[in-house]
Amino acid sequence: MSEQYWDFNEETLIINQNGLPIKKRAGQDLYPRTALLTKPLEPKDDYQVLAVLDANGCAIDSEYVEDHRGKTIYNTQDCKQSKIVEKLGVIEDDWTLLKPSTQFDEWIDSEWVTNEQMEYEAQVQQVDAIRRALYLNVDALRNKAAMIRVLEADETKAADYDEQAKALYLKIRNENPWP
């Protein structure tokens, strides 16, 4: 029998890797109920060593259980969904540790693949929204030119606003090209 034991957390079953000496009293070995008497498995990256219990709740062996606690996992059905792992064990179905590279990624054959059509359509919508918002300033200049023509009958001043509207329109188009 070993001269030491390993204790474990009764709630999580995680084994303390530091062996403790078995105490003796009147020729009897003394150790707590939460004692594993055989050397546990060696620590391993991304795993915890847990006690294996018998029907009476006594530790009889050790086993590896995946440990991804604190890591971010991503939903393979919707790459925009993620969460932090809180419990020991394998990663849930439809979730992965692999981080998608874009918000347009799809899970295909166990890897993220960017859906270029969706990405392109989103880029078009983004440019369209920016242009529409900026074109309001062009419309304001055109309306001002029209009002000057009607109210002031000053064609030179109105033409100046028309030129500003054209220049702004071209600037908006050049600074926000279609993808």
Protein backbone atom coordinates (compact mmCIF):
# COMPACT_ATOMS: atom_id res chain seq x y z
CA MET A 1 0.00 0.00 0.00
CA SER A 2 1.16 3.54 -0.71
CA GLU A 3 2.56 5.74 2.01
CA GLN A 4 0.46 8.63 0.76
CA TYR A 5 -3.02 9.46 -0.45
CA TRP A 6 -4.59 12.09 -2.68
CA ASP A 7 -7.66 13.99 -1.61
CA PHE A 8 -10.35 15.39 -3.90
CA ASN A 9 -13.15 17.89 -3.80
CA GLU A 10 -16.35 16.01 -2.93
CA GLU A 11 -18.45 18.35 -5.08
CA THR A 12 -16.32 18.58 -8.26
CA LEU A 13 -14.32 15.34 -7.79
CA ILE A 14 -11.17 17.20 -8.87
CA ILE A 15 -8.15 15.49 -7.36
CA ASN A 16 -5.45 17.44 -5.55
CA GLN A 17 -2.25 16.31 -7.30
CA ASN A 18 -0.16 16.86 -4.17
CA GLY A 19 0.05 13.59 -2.28
CA LEU A 20 -0.43 13.73 1.47
CA PRO A 21 1.23 11.36 3.94
CA ILE A 22 -0.93 8.66 5.47
CA LYS A 23 -0.92 9.05 9.24
CA LYS A 24 -0.73 6.06 11.50
CA ARG A 25 -2.21 5.60 14.92
CA ALA A 26 -1.92 2.37 16.88
CA GLY A 27 -0.75 0.61 13.73
CA GLN A 28 -3.82 1.75 11.75
CA ASP A 29 -3.64 3.87 8.58
CA LEU A 30 -5.62 7.07 8.98
CA TYR A 31 -6.83 9.02 5.96
CA PRO A 32 -10.04 10.92 5.14
CA ARG A 33 -13.04 9.53 3.30
CA THR A 34 -12.11 11.72 0.32
CA ALA A 35 -8.87 9.83 -0.23
CA LEU A 36 -7.59 8.16 -3.35
CA LEU A 37 -5.01 5.58 -2.36
CA THR A 38 -3.55 5.01 -5.83
CA LYS A 39 -1.52 7.63 -7.66
CA PRO A 40 -3.84 9.64 -9.93
CA LEU A 41 -3.29 10.25 -13.62
CA GLU A 42 -0.72 12.93 -14.45
CA PRO A 43 -2.05 16.44 -15.22
CA LYS A 44 -2.71 17.05 -18.92
CA ASP A 45 -3.51 20.26 -20.84
CA ASP A 46 -7.23 20.93 -21.33
CA TYR A 47 -8.18 18.15 -18.90
CA GLN A 48 -8.89 17.81 -15.20
CA VAL A 49 -8.13 14.64 -13.27
CA LEU A 50 -11.26 13.51 -11.44
CA ALA A 51 -11.82 10.78 -8.88
CA VAL A 52 -13.79 7.74 -9.94
CA LEU A 53 -16.07 6.63 -7.11
CA ASP A 54 -17.50 3.24 -6.27
CA ALA A 55 -21.10 2.65 -5.17
CA ASN A 56 -20.19 3.68 -1.61
CA GLY A 57 -18.69 7.02 -2.73
CA CYS A 58 -15.09 5.91 -2.14
CA ALA A 59 -12.40 6.88 -4.64
CA ILE A 60 -11.13 3.85 -6.53
CA ASP A 61 -9.38 5.41 -9.54
CA SER A 62 -8.91 8.59 -11.54
CA GLU A 63 -9.98 9.68 -15.02
CA TYR A 64 -9.48 12.57 -17.44
CA VAL A 65 -12.38 14.92 -18.10
CA GLU A 66 -12.15 17.71 -20.67
CA ASP A 67 -11.71 21.15 -19.10
CA HIS A 68 -12.55 24.11 -21.31
CA ARG A 69 -13.85 26.31 -18.50
CA GLY A 70 -13.33 30.00 -19.18
CA LYS A 71 -12.90 29.46 -22.92
CA THR A 72 -15.19 30.90 -25.57
CA ILE A 73 -17.12 28.48 -27.75
CA TYR A 74 -19.06 29.31 -30.94
CA ASN A 75 -22.38 28.00 -32.22
CA THR A 76 -21.87 26.07 -35.46
CA GLN A 77 -25.44 26.92 -36.53
CA ASP A 78 -24.95 30.68 -36.06
CA CYS A 79 -21.37 31.96 -35.91
CA LYS A 80 -22.51 35.19 -34.22
CA GLN A 81 -23.50 33.26 -31.08
CA SER A 82 -20.83 32.52 -28.51
CA LYS A 83 -20.60 31.78 -24.82
CA ILE A 84 -18.07 31.02 -22.11
CA VAL A 85 -17.74 27.40 -20.96
CA GLU A 86 -18.59 27.08 -17.26
CA LYS A 87 -18.58 23.32 -16.62
CA LEU A 88 -16.17 20.44 -17.01
CA GLY A 89 -16.82 17.96 -19.81
CA VAL A 90 -16.98 17.74 -23.56
CA ILE A 91 -18.15 20.73 -25.54
CA GLU A 92 -21.86 20.59 -26.32
CA ASP A 93 -23.04 19.44 -29.74
CA ASP A 94 -23.30 22.28 -32.29
CA TRP A 95 -20.56 24.27 -30.50
CA THR A 96 -16.83 24.56 -31.24
CA LEU A 97 -13.70 26.16 -29.85
CA LEU A 98 -12.75 27.28 -33.36
CA LYS A 99 -13.40 30.99 -33.76
CA PRO A 100 -15.08 32.12 -36.98
CA SER A 101 -13.08 34.65 -38.98
CA THR A 102 -16.08 36.71 -40.11
CA GLN A 103 -19.72 37.16 -39.18
CA PHE A 104 -20.57 35.48 -42.50
CA ASP A 105 -18.93 32.13 -41.71
CA GLU A 106 -20.76 28.83 -42.01
CA TRP A 107 -19.76 25.52 -40.41
CA ILE A 108 -18.91 23.11 -43.23
CA ASP A 109 -16.98 19.85 -42.82
CA SER A 110 -15.83 20.75 -39.29
CA GLU A 111 -14.42 24.16 -40.19
CA TRP A 112 -15.60 27.72 -40.72
CA VAL A 113 -16.02 28.78 -44.35
CA THR A 114 -16.91 32.36 -45.25
CA ASN A 115 -20.10 32.70 -47.28
CA GLU A 116 -18.79 35.23 -49.78
CA GLN A 117 -22.22 35.95 -51.28
CA MET A 118 -23.66 36.90 -47.86
CA GLU A 119 -20.56 39.00 -47.13
CA TYR A 120 -20.87 40.79 -50.50
CA GLU A 121 -24.58 41.48 -50.00
CA ALA A 122 -23.91 42.93 -46.55
CA GLN A 123 -21.17 45.15 -47.97
CA VAL A 124 -23.55 46.40 -50.70
CA GLN A 125 -26.22 47.15 -48.07
CA GLN A 126 -23.69 48.99 -45.93
CA VAL A 127 -22.46 51.17 -48.82
CA ASP A 128 -26.05 51.80 -49.90
CA ALA A 129 -27.05 52.90 -46.38
CA ILE A 130 -24.04 55.23 -46.10
CA ARG A 131 -24.68 56.75 -49.52
CA ARG A 132 -28.40 57.25 -48.80
CA ALA A 133 -27.61 59.03 -45.53
CA LEU A 134 -25.00 61.28 -47.15
CA TYR A 135 -27.16 62.00 -50.20
CA LEU A 136 -29.54 63.87 -47.89
CA ASN A 137 -26.94 66.65 -47.88
CA VAL A 138 -26.93 66.65 -51.71
CA ASP A 139 -30.73 66.91 -51.69
CA ALA A 140 -30.55 69.82 -49.25
CA LEU A 141 -28.19 71.70 -51.58
CA ARG A 142 -30.45 71.03 -54.61
CA ASN A 143 -33.53 72.16 -52.69
CA LYS A 144 -31.72 75.32 -51.64
CA ALA A 145 -30.80 76.00 -55.28
CA ALA A 146 -34.41 75.48 -56.36
CA MET A 147 -35.74 77.80 -53.65
CA ILE A 148 -33.24 80.52 -54.59
CA ARG A 149 -34.38 80.29 -58.22
CA VAL A 150 -38.03 80.62 -57.19
CA LEU A 151 -37.77 83.17 -54.38
CA GLU A 152 -34.75 85.24 -55.27
CA ALA A 153 -34.52 84.66 -59.03
CA ASP A 154 -30.71 84.65 -58.59
CA GLU A 155 -29.50 82.09 -61.15
CA THR A 156 -25.82 82.64 -60.30
CA LYS A 157 -26.35 81.91 -56.63
CA ALA A 158 -28.58 78.91 -57.46
CA ALA A 159 -26.01 77.55 -59.92
CA ASP A 160 -23.37 77.77 -57.18
CA TYR A 161 -25.51 75.51 -54.94
CA ASP A 162 -26.07 73.13 -57.88
CA GLU A 163 -22.28 72.87 -58.36
CA GLN A 164 -21.79 72.18 -54.65
CA ALA A 165 -24.45 69.45 -54.85
CA LYS A 166 -22.71 67.85 -57.87
CA ALA A 167 -19.30 68.02 -56.21
CA LEU A 168 -20.67 66.49 -52.99
CA TYR A 169 -22.44 63.75 -54.96
CA LEU A 170 -19.19 62.80 -56.73
CA LYS A 171 -17.24 62.91 -53.46
CA ILE A 172 -19.74 60.60 -51.76
CA ARG A 173 -19.57 58.17 -54.69
CA ASN A 174 -15.75 58.17 -54.76
CA GLU A 175 -15.36 57.77 -50.97
CA ASN A 176 -17.97 55.00 -50.78
CA PRO A 177 -17.41 52.72 -53.79
CA TRP A 178 -19.45 49.60 -54.41
CA PRO A 179 -17.68 46.41 -53.34
